[in-house]
Amino acid sequence: MEVFLDTSALSEPDLDLVTEELERDPELKFFVSAITHFEVLWGYSILDKDPASYKNFLRTAGVRVESILQSDAETSAE
């Protein structure tokens, strides 16, 4: 199953715990839309914080950043 994570999952204060939860089911594949990825990085920039923990989370949990297409938006609206 493919799951797109949103900012509510990525704004957790402890991304290590989120990583552990994501790794429990190897059948799940996690993605972040390019829009959400931009929002998260922009938030780090606005707060003048280092995004290293977020980038490490993506790498460790195997989360891929994917583009979002009109068809994706239409599917989510169904």
PDB file of N, CA and C in Angstrom:
ATOM      1  N   MET A   1       0.828  -1.163   0.000  1.00  0.00           N
ATOM      2  CA  MET A   1       0.000   0.000   0.000  1.00  0.00           C
ATOM      3  C   MET A   1       0.885   1.243   0.000  1.00  0.00           C
ATOM      4  N   GLU A   2       0.510   2.228  -0.775  1.00  0.00           N
ATOM      5  CA  GLU A   2       1.244   3.486  -0.841  1.00  0.00           C
ATOM      6  C   GLU A   2       0.516   4.538  -0.015  1.00  0.00           C
ATOM      7  N   VAL A   3       1.279   5.228   0.823  1.00  0.00           N
ATOM      8  CA  VAL A   3       0.704   6.214   1.727  1.00  0.00           C
ATOM      9  C   VAL A   3       1.448   7.533   1.559  1.00  0.00           C
ATOM     10  N   PHE A   4       0.693   8.607   1.320  1.00  0.00           N
ATOM     11  CA  PHE A   4       1.281   9.940   1.275  1.00  0.00           C
ATOM     12  C   PHE A   4       1.167  10.562   2.655  1.00  0.00           C
ATOM     13  N   LEU A   5       2.286  11.004   3.205  1.00  0.00           N
ATOM     14  CA  LEU A   5       2.301  11.660   4.509  1.00  0.00           C
ATOM     15  C   LEU A   5       2.028  13.143   4.325  1.00  0.00           C
ATOM     16  N   ASP A   6       1.331  13.741   5.281  1.00  0.00           N
ATOM     17  CA  ASP A   6       1.102  15.181   5.211  1.00  0.00           C
ATOM     18  C   ASP A   6       1.852  15.869   6.348  1.00  0.00           C
ATOM     19  N   THR A   7       1.699  17.181   6.430  1.00  0.00           N
ATOM     20  CA  THR A   7       2.471  17.932   7.415  1.00  0.00           C
ATOM     21  C   THR A   7       2.126  17.558   8.848  1.00  0.00           C
ATOM     22  N   SER A   8       0.916  17.072   9.102  1.00  0.00           N
ATOM     23  CA  SER A   8       0.573  16.697  10.483  1.00  0.00           C
ATOM     24  C   SER A   8       1.438  15.530  10.960  1.00  0.00           C
ATOM     25  N   ALA A   9       1.763  14.607  10.083  1.00  0.00           N
ATOM     26  CA  ALA A   9       2.636  13.485  10.454  1.00  0.00           C
ATOM     27  C   ALA A   9       4.089  13.918  10.528  1.00  0.00           C
ATOM     28  N   LEU A  10       4.438  14.927   9.738  1.00  0.00           N
ATOM     29  CA  LEU A  10       5.832  15.350   9.665  1.00  0.00           C
ATOM     30  C   LEU A  10       6.171  16.444  10.659  1.00  0.00           C
ATOM     31  N   SER A  11       5.175  16.985  11.354  1.00  0.00           N
ATOM     32  CA  SER A  11       5.445  18.053  12.306  1.00  0.00           C
ATOM     33  C   SER A  11       5.606  17.518  13.725  1.00  0.00           C
ATOM     34  N   GLU A  12       5.657  16.205  13.849  1.00  0.00           N
ATOM     35  CA  GLU A  12       5.858  15.607  15.161  1.00  0.00           C
ATOM     36  C   GLU A  12       7.200  16.080  15.722  1.00  0.00           C
ATOM     37  N   PRO A  13       7.222  16.374  17.033  1.00  0.00           N
ATOM     38  CA  PRO A  13       8.483  16.836  17.619  1.00  0.00           C
ATOM     39  C   PRO A  13       9.574  15.766  17.609  1.00  0.00           C
ATOM     40  N   ASP A  14       9.177  14.503  17.583  1.00  0.00           N
ATOM     41  CA  ASP A  14      10.178  13.442  17.603  1.00  0.00           C
ATOM     42  C   ASP A  14      10.007  12.555  16.376  1.00  0.00           C
ATOM     43  N   LEU A  15      10.707  12.897  15.308  1.00  0.00           N
ATOM     44  CA  LEU A  15      10.584  12.137  14.066  1.00  0.00           C
ATOM     45  C   LEU A  15      11.092  10.706  14.201  1.00  0.00           C
ATOM     46  N   ASP A  16      11.925  10.438  15.215  1.00  0.00           N
ATOM     47  CA  ASP A  16      12.412   9.067  15.422  1.00  0.00           C
ATOM     48  C   ASP A  16      11.260   8.123  15.756  1.00  0.00           C
ATOM     49  N   LEU A  17      10.307   8.596  16.562  1.00  0.00           N
ATOM     50  CA  LEU A  17       9.150   7.760  16.897  1.00  0.00           C
ATOM     51  C   LEU A  17       8.288   7.502  15.674  1.00  0.00           C
ATOM     52  N   VAL A  18       8.132   8.520  14.840  1.00  0.00           N
ATOM     53  CA  VAL A  18       7.360   8.355  13.608  1.00  0.00           C
ATOM     54  C   VAL A  18       8.059   7.343  12.709  1.00  0.00           C
ATOM     55  N   THR A  19       9.377   7.423  12.636  1.00  0.00           N
ATOM     56  CA  THR A  19      10.156   6.485  11.824  1.00  0.00           C
ATOM     57  C   THR A  19       9.914   5.052  12.288  1.00  0.00           C
ATOM     58  N   GLU A  20       9.939   4.825  13.592  1.00  0.00           N
ATOM     59  CA  GLU A  20       9.702   3.478  14.126  1.00  0.00           C
ATOM     60  C   GLU A  20       8.321   2.965  13.733  1.00  0.00           C
ATOM     61  N   GLU A  21       7.332   3.822  13.813  1.00  0.00           N
ATOM     62  CA  GLU A  21       5.970   3.421  13.442  1.00  0.00           C
ATOM     63  C   GLU A  21       5.898   3.052  11.960  1.00  0.00           C
ATOM     64  N   LEU A  22       6.551   3.838  11.119  1.00  0.00           N
ATOM     65  CA  LEU A  22       6.504   3.598   9.679  1.00  0.00           C
ATOM     66  C   LEU A  22       7.211   2.305   9.293  1.00  0.00           C
ATOM     67  N   GLU A  23       8.247   1.951  10.036  1.00  0.00           N
ATOM     68  CA  GLU A  23       9.029   0.763   9.703  1.00  0.00           C
ATOM     69  C   GLU A  23       8.365  -0.535  10.156  1.00  0.00           C
ATOM     70  N   ARG A  24       7.300  -0.470  10.925  1.00  0.00           N
ATOM     71  CA  ARG A  24       6.659  -1.684  11.454  1.00  0.00           C
ATOM     72  C   ARG A  24       6.034  -2.545  10.369  1.00  0.00           C
ATOM     73  N   ASP A  25       5.571  -1.941   9.303  1.00  0.00           N
ATOM     74  CA  ASP A  25       4.918  -2.707   8.236  1.00  0.00           C
ATOM     75  C   ASP A  25       5.697  -2.514   6.940  1.00  0.00           C
ATOM     76  N   PRO A  26       6.543  -3.481   6.577  1.00  0.00           N
ATOM     77  CA  PRO A  26       7.376  -3.337   5.383  1.00  0.00           C
ATOM     78  C   PRO A  26       6.582  -3.303   4.077  1.00  0.00           C
ATOM     79  N   GLU A  27       5.308  -3.687   4.121  1.00  0.00           N
ATOM     80  CA  GLU A  27       4.472  -3.653   2.918  1.00  0.00           C
ATOM     81  C   GLU A  27       4.054  -2.230   2.550  1.00  0.00           C
ATOM     82  N   LEU A  28       4.111  -1.336   3.513  1.00  0.00           N
ATOM     83  CA  LEU A  28       3.708   0.048   3.264  1.00  0.00           C
ATOM     84  C   LEU A  28       4.858   0.821   2.634  1.00  0.00           C
ATOM     85  N   LYS A  29       4.530   1.646   1.663  1.00  0.00           N
ATOM     86  CA  LYS A  29       5.515   2.527   1.034  1.00  0.00           C
ATOM     87  C   LYS A  29       5.054   3.954   1.293  1.00  0.00           C
ATOM     88  N   PHE A  30       5.940   4.755   1.848  1.00  0.00           N
ATOM     89  CA  PHE A  30       5.575   6.108   2.239  1.00  0.00           C
ATOM     90  C   PHE A  30       6.183   7.135   1.306  1.00  0.00           C
ATOM     91  N   PHE A  31       5.376   8.143   1.030  1.00  0.00           N
ATOM     92  CA  PHE A  31       5.768   9.226   0.137  1.00  0.00           C
ATOM     93  C   PHE A  31       5.386  10.560   0.765  1.00  0.00           C
ATOM     94  N   VAL A  32       6.062  11.592   0.324  1.00  0.00           N
ATOM     95  CA  VAL A  32       5.715  12.967   0.666  1.00  0.00           C
ATOM     96  C   VAL A  32       5.563  13.691  -0.656  1.00  0.00           C
ATOM     97  N   SER A  33       4.479  14.437  -0.810  1.00  0.00           N
ATOM     98  CA  SER A  33       4.324  15.188  -2.053  1.00  0.00           C
ATOM     99  C   SER A  33       5.354  16.315  -2.080  1.00  0.00           C
ATOM    100  N   ALA A  34       5.713  16.728  -3.260  1.00  0.00           N
ATOM    101  CA  ALA A  34       6.665  17.827  -3.414  1.00  0.00           C
ATOM    102  C   ALA A  34       6.147  19.084  -2.728  1.00  0.00           C
ATOM    103  N   ILE A  35       4.827  19.270  -2.731  1.00  0.00           N
ATOM    104  CA  ILE A  35       4.226  20.443  -2.086  1.00  0.00           C
ATOM    105  C   ILE A  35       4.443  20.378  -0.574  1.00  0.00           C
ATOM    106  N   THR A  36       4.171  19.227   0.029  1.00  0.00           N
ATOM    107  CA  THR A  36       4.374  19.064   1.472  1.00  0.00           C
ATOM    108  C   THR A  36       5.845  19.201   1.818  1.00  0.00           C
ATOM    109  N   HIS A  37       6.709  18.614   1.010  1.00  0.00           N
ATOM    110  CA  HIS A  37       8.155  18.703   1.221  1.00  0.00           C
ATOM    111  C   HIS A  37       8.593  20.167   1.233  1.00  0.00           C
ATOM    112  N   PHE A  38       8.089  20.950   0.284  1.00  0.00           N
ATOM    113  CA  PHE A  38       8.409  22.373   0.228  1.00  0.00           C
ATOM    114  C   PHE A  38       7.913  23.078   1.490  1.00  0.00           C
ATOM    115  N   GLU A  39       6.688  22.778   1.922  1.00  0.00           N
ATOM    116  CA  GLU A  39       6.130  23.412   3.127  1.00  0.00           C
ATOM    117  C   GLU A  39       6.994  23.133   4.351  1.00  0.00           C
ATOM    118  N   VAL A  40       7.426  21.893   4.496  1.00  0.00           N
ATOM    119  CA  VAL A  40       8.245  21.525   5.650  1.00  0.00           C
ATOM    120  C   VAL A  40       9.586  22.260   5.605  1.00  0.00           C
ATOM    121  N   LEU A  41      10.247  22.240   4.453  1.00  0.00           N
ATOM    122  CA  LEU A  41      11.536  22.930   4.344  1.00  0.00           C
ATOM    123  C   LEU A  41      11.387  24.435   4.529  1.00  0.00           C
ATOM    124  N   TRP A  42      10.294  25.005   4.037  1.00  0.00           N
ATOM    125  CA  TRP A  42      10.027  26.432   4.213  1.00  0.00           C
ATOM    126  C   TRP A  42       9.855  26.742   5.704  1.00  0.00           C
ATOM    127  N   GLY A  43       9.153  25.875   6.418  1.00  0.00           N
ATOM    128  CA  GLY A  43       8.972  26.063   7.860  1.00  0.00           C
ATOM    129  C   GLY A  43      10.304  26.082   8.593  1.00  0.00           C
ATOM    130  N   TYR A  44      11.184  25.145   8.250  1.00  0.00           N
ATOM    131  CA  TYR A  44      12.509  25.154   8.863  1.00  0.00           C
ATOM    132  C   TYR A  44      13.232  26.455   8.553  1.00  0.00           C
ATOM    133  N   SER A  45      13.123  26.930   7.328  1.00  0.00           N
ATOM    134  CA  SER A  45      13.789  28.167   6.921  1.00  0.00           C
ATOM    135  C   SER A  45      13.239  29.371   7.682  1.00  0.00           C
ATOM    136  N   ILE A  46      11.910  29.458   7.779  1.00  0.00           N
ATOM    137  CA  ILE A  46      11.279  30.578   8.490  1.00  0.00           C
ATOM    138  C   ILE A  46      11.739  30.619   9.946  1.00  0.00           C
ATOM    139  N   LEU A  47      11.852  29.447  10.564  1.00  0.00           N
ATOM    140  CA  LEU A  47      12.265  29.370  11.966  1.00  0.00           C
ATOM    141  C   LEU A  47      13.783  29.374  12.130  1.00  0.00           C
ATOM    142  N   ASP A  48      14.504  29.474  11.004  1.00  0.00           N
ATOM    143  CA  ASP A  48      15.966  29.471  11.006  1.00  0.00           C
ATOM    144  C   ASP A  48      16.511  28.225  11.720  1.00  0.00           C
ATOM    145  N   LYS A  49      15.892  27.075  11.408  1.00  0.00           N
ATOM    146  CA  LYS A  49      16.307  25.801  11.994  1.00  0.00           C
ATOM    147  C   LYS A  49      16.938  24.922  10.919  1.00  0.00           C
ATOM    148  N   ASP A  50      17.821  24.056  11.359  1.00  0.00           N
ATOM    149  CA  ASP A  50      18.490  23.114  10.463  1.00  0.00           C
ATOM    150  C   ASP A  50      17.537  21.958  10.135  1.00  0.00           C
ATOM    151  N   PRO A  51      17.280  21.689   8.840  1.00  0.00           N
ATOM    152  CA  PRO A  51      16.362  20.610   8.467  1.00  0.00           C
ATOM    153  C   PRO A  51      17.000  19.221   8.485  1.00  0.00           C
ATOM    154  N   ALA A  52      18.159  19.079   9.117  1.00  0.00           N
ATOM    155  CA  ALA A  52      18.872  17.794   9.098  1.00  0.00           C
ATOM    156  C   ALA A  52      18.026  16.652   9.657  1.00  0.00           C
ATOM    157  N   SER A  53      17.266  16.898  10.727  1.00  0.00           N
ATOM    158  CA  SER A  53      16.467  15.811  11.315  1.00  0.00           C
ATOM    159  C   SER A  53      15.377  15.357  10.347  1.00  0.00           C
ATOM    160  N   TYR A  54      14.776  16.296   9.631  1.00  0.00           N
ATOM    161  CA  TYR A  54      13.747  15.952   8.643  1.00  0.00           C
ATOM    162  C   TYR A  54      14.362  15.162   7.489  1.00  0.00           C
ATOM    163  N   LYS A  55      15.498  15.627   6.981  1.00  0.00           N
ATOM    164  CA  LYS A  55      16.164  14.936   5.876  1.00  0.00           C
ATOM    165  C   LYS A  55      16.616  13.541   6.308  1.00  0.00           C
ATOM    166  N   ASN A  56      17.096  13.427   7.542  1.00  0.00           N
ATOM    167  CA  ASN A  56      17.492  12.119   8.064  1.00  0.00           C
ATOM    168  C   ASN A  56      16.272  11.206   8.180  1.00  0.00           C
ATOM    169  N   PHE A  57      15.134  11.765   8.604  1.00  0.00           N
ATOM    170  CA  PHE A  57      13.885  11.005   8.689  1.00  0.00           C
ATOM    171  C   PHE A  57      13.516  10.434   7.324  1.00  0.00           C
ATOM    172  N   LEU A  58      13.569  11.259   6.282  1.00  0.00           N
ATOM    173  CA  LEU A  58      13.231  10.788   4.935  1.00  0.00           C
ATOM    174  C   LEU A  58      14.129   9.627   4.525  1.00  0.00           C
ATOM    175  N   ARG A  59      15.419   9.788   4.788  1.00  0.00           N
ATOM    176  CA  ARG A  59      16.396   8.768   4.398  1.00  0.00           C
ATOM    177  C   ARG A  59      16.206   7.486   5.225  1.00  0.00           C
ATOM    178  N   THR A  60      16.121   7.615   6.523  1.00  0.00           N
ATOM    179  CA  THR A  60      16.022   6.458   7.411  1.00  0.00           C
ATOM    180  C   THR A  60      14.741   5.666   7.191  1.00  0.00           C
ATOM    181  N   ALA A  61      13.617   6.375   7.042  1.00  0.00           N
ATOM    182  CA  ALA A  61      12.325   5.700   6.879  1.00  0.00           C
ATOM    183  C   ALA A  61      12.055   5.313   5.431  1.00  0.00           C
ATOM    184  N   GLY A  62      12.945   5.706   4.525  1.00  0.00           N
ATOM    185  CA  GLY A  62      12.755   5.363   3.116  1.00  0.00           C
ATOM    186  C   GLY A  62      11.589   6.087   2.471  1.00  0.00           C
ATOM    187  N   VAL A  63      11.310   7.298   2.956  1.00  0.00           N
ATOM    188  CA  VAL A  63      10.204   8.093   2.421  1.00  0.00           C
ATOM    189  C   VAL A  63      10.689   8.830   1.179  1.00  0.00           C
ATOM    190  N   ARG A  64       9.934   8.698   0.087  1.00  0.00           N
ATOM    191  CA  ARG A  64      10.310   9.362  -1.169  1.00  0.00           C
ATOM    192  C   ARG A  64       9.476  10.612  -1.377  1.00  0.00           C
ATOM    193  N   VAL A  65      10.109  11.633  -1.937  1.00  0.00           N
ATOM    194  CA  VAL A  65       9.401  12.856  -2.324  1.00  0.00           C
ATOM    195  C   VAL A  65       8.919  12.656  -3.751  1.00  0.00           C
ATOM    196  N   GLU A  66       7.620  12.814  -3.970  1.00  0.00           N
ATOM    197  CA  GLU A  66       7.019  12.579  -5.279  1.00  0.00           C
ATOM    198  C   GLU A  66       6.257  13.808  -5.748  1.00  0.00           C
ATOM    199  N   SER A  67       6.245  13.991  -7.044  1.00  0.00           N
ATOM    200  CA  SER A  67       5.440  15.075  -7.601  1.00  0.00           C
ATOM    201  C   SER A  67       3.975  14.705  -7.462  1.00  0.00           C
ATOM    202  N   ILE A  68       3.127  15.708  -7.462  1.00  0.00           N
ATOM    203  CA  ILE A  68       1.689  15.459  -7.386  1.00  0.00           C
ATOM    204  C   ILE A  68       1.074  15.909  -8.703  1.00  0.00           C
ATOM    205  N   LEU A  69       0.229  15.093  -9.229  1.00  0.00           N
ATOM    206  CA  LEU A  69      -0.381  15.364 -10.524  1.00  0.00           C
ATOM    207  C   LEU A  69      -1.865  15.659 -10.352  1.00  0.00           C
ATOM    208  N   GLN A  70      -2.473  16.210 -11.372  1.00  0.00           N
ATOM    209  CA  GLN A  70      -3.903  16.474 -11.330  1.00  0.00           C
ATOM    210  C   GLN A  70      -4.668  15.182 -11.043  1.00  0.00           C
ATOM    211  N   SER A  71      -4.221  14.078 -11.628  1.00  0.00           N
ATOM    212  CA  SER A  71      -4.913  12.802 -11.398  1.00  0.00           C
ATOM    213  C   SER A  71      -4.853  12.396  -9.924  1.00  0.00           C
ATOM    214  N   ASP A  72      -3.739  12.718  -9.238  1.00  0.00           N
ATOM    215  CA  ASP A  72      -3.638  12.433  -7.806  1.00  0.00           C
ATOM    216  C   ASP A  72      -4.681  13.227  -7.028  1.00  0.00           C
ATOM    217  N   ALA A  73      -4.815  14.496  -7.363  1.00  0.00           N
ATOM    218  CA  ALA A  73      -5.793  15.352  -6.685  1.00  0.00           C
ATOM    219  C   ALA A  73      -7.211  14.857  -6.942  1.00  0.00           C
ATOM    220  N   GLU A  74      -7.482  14.451  -8.172  1.00  0.00           N
ATOM    221  CA  GLU A  74      -8.819  13.954  -8.504  1.00  0.00           C
ATOM    222  C   GLU A  74      -9.125  12.656  -7.760  1.00  0.00           C
ATOM    223  N   THR A  75      -8.129  11.775  -7.659  1.00  0.00           N
ATOM    224  CA  THR A  75      -8.324  10.517  -6.940  1.00  0.00           C
ATOM    225  C   THR A  75      -8.614  10.779  -5.471  1.00  0.00           C
ATOM    226  N   SER A  76      -7.873  11.730  -4.845  1.00  0.00           N
ATOM    227  CA  SER A  76      -8.126  12.012  -3.437  1.00  0.00           C
ATOM    228  C   SER A  76      -9.469  12.638  -3.185  1.00  0.00           C
ATOM    229  N   ALA A  77     -10.019  13.314  -4.177  1.00  0.00           N
ATOM    230  CA  ALA A  77     -11.318  13.974  -4.012  1.00  0.00           C
ATOM    231  C   ALA A  77     -12.480  12.996  -4.133  1.00  0.00           C
ATOM    232  N   GLU A  78     -12.232  11.808  -4.660  1.00  0.00           N
ATOM    233  CA  GLU A  78     -13.322  10.832  -4.860  1.00  0.00           C
ATOM    234  C   GLU A  78     -13.840  10.268  -3.558  1.00  0.00           C
TER     235      GLU A  78
END
